[in-house]
Amino acid sequence: MLRAIRFIVLGLILLLGGAWAYAWVSRAPGQGVGEAFIALLSGASGGGEAGPVSSGGVQLPQGLSLGGPFSLTDQAGKPVTERDYAGQWMLIYFGYSFCPDVCPTELGTMAAALDALGPAGTKVVPVFITVDPQRDTPQHLADYVGRFHPRMQGLTGTPEQVAEAARRYRVYYTKVQRPEMTDYLMDHSSFIYLVGPDAKVRTLFRPEQSPEAIAAAVQSQLGRPAG
């Protein structure tokens, strides 16, 4: 019996290792391994209970839950948790303000999607959570997020608080120090998350989705129950 269990465990390890390797070689340009792995799981699941997804959205595999409690600090220096957003919809993006390309592109897309929603866009709070709390202070974030949308909120925290929030959303990030550079970059996954009033992720959007596709997916979810 013990031998059979060992074979099963070994098989699962090999299966997950193979899936991770496939995600590595098959990922799109600029796509992180973590997000490619999640996308691979999403495609393999063939369904789930996350609800229908409009064009551009990724349906979560059955049994995979993203989101939940967090404890961070907003751009005004005020401590916030998921309870401060209870009953509200959110579009959340994890990145950092010193990002040279992907982050400003995705935040601009997120802001454009809210505008495309028209009056319904006021029901959705745009949130930027930094993965670089060392440099992204509340004061710095206040200036940064205001460049994209007047209602966008920037959240930071201690490295431990940021790591916990990222863990709950399955966000990959790591510091990258290149020899030819005096400063560091942050390698990170790049999903936009649509979070329901229950603080759980309803839909993810891959990088480079159009604002119109995101707006359509959000609109389809706004009338759904929280549970």
Foldseek 3Di string as FASTA:
>chain_A
DVVVVVVVVVVVVVVLVVLLVCLVVPPDVLADSQVSSQQSQQVVQVDADLDDFFPQWGAGRHPDWFFDWAWWAKLVRHIDILVVLAQAKEWEKEEALVDDPQVVVVLLLQLLLLVVLPPVSVRYAYEYEYLCLVPDDSPNVVVRSCVRPVRYMYIYHPNVRSVVNCVRRSKDKDWADDPVDPDIHIRIGTWIFIAGSVRITSIIGHGPDGSNRVNVRVVVPPPDDRD
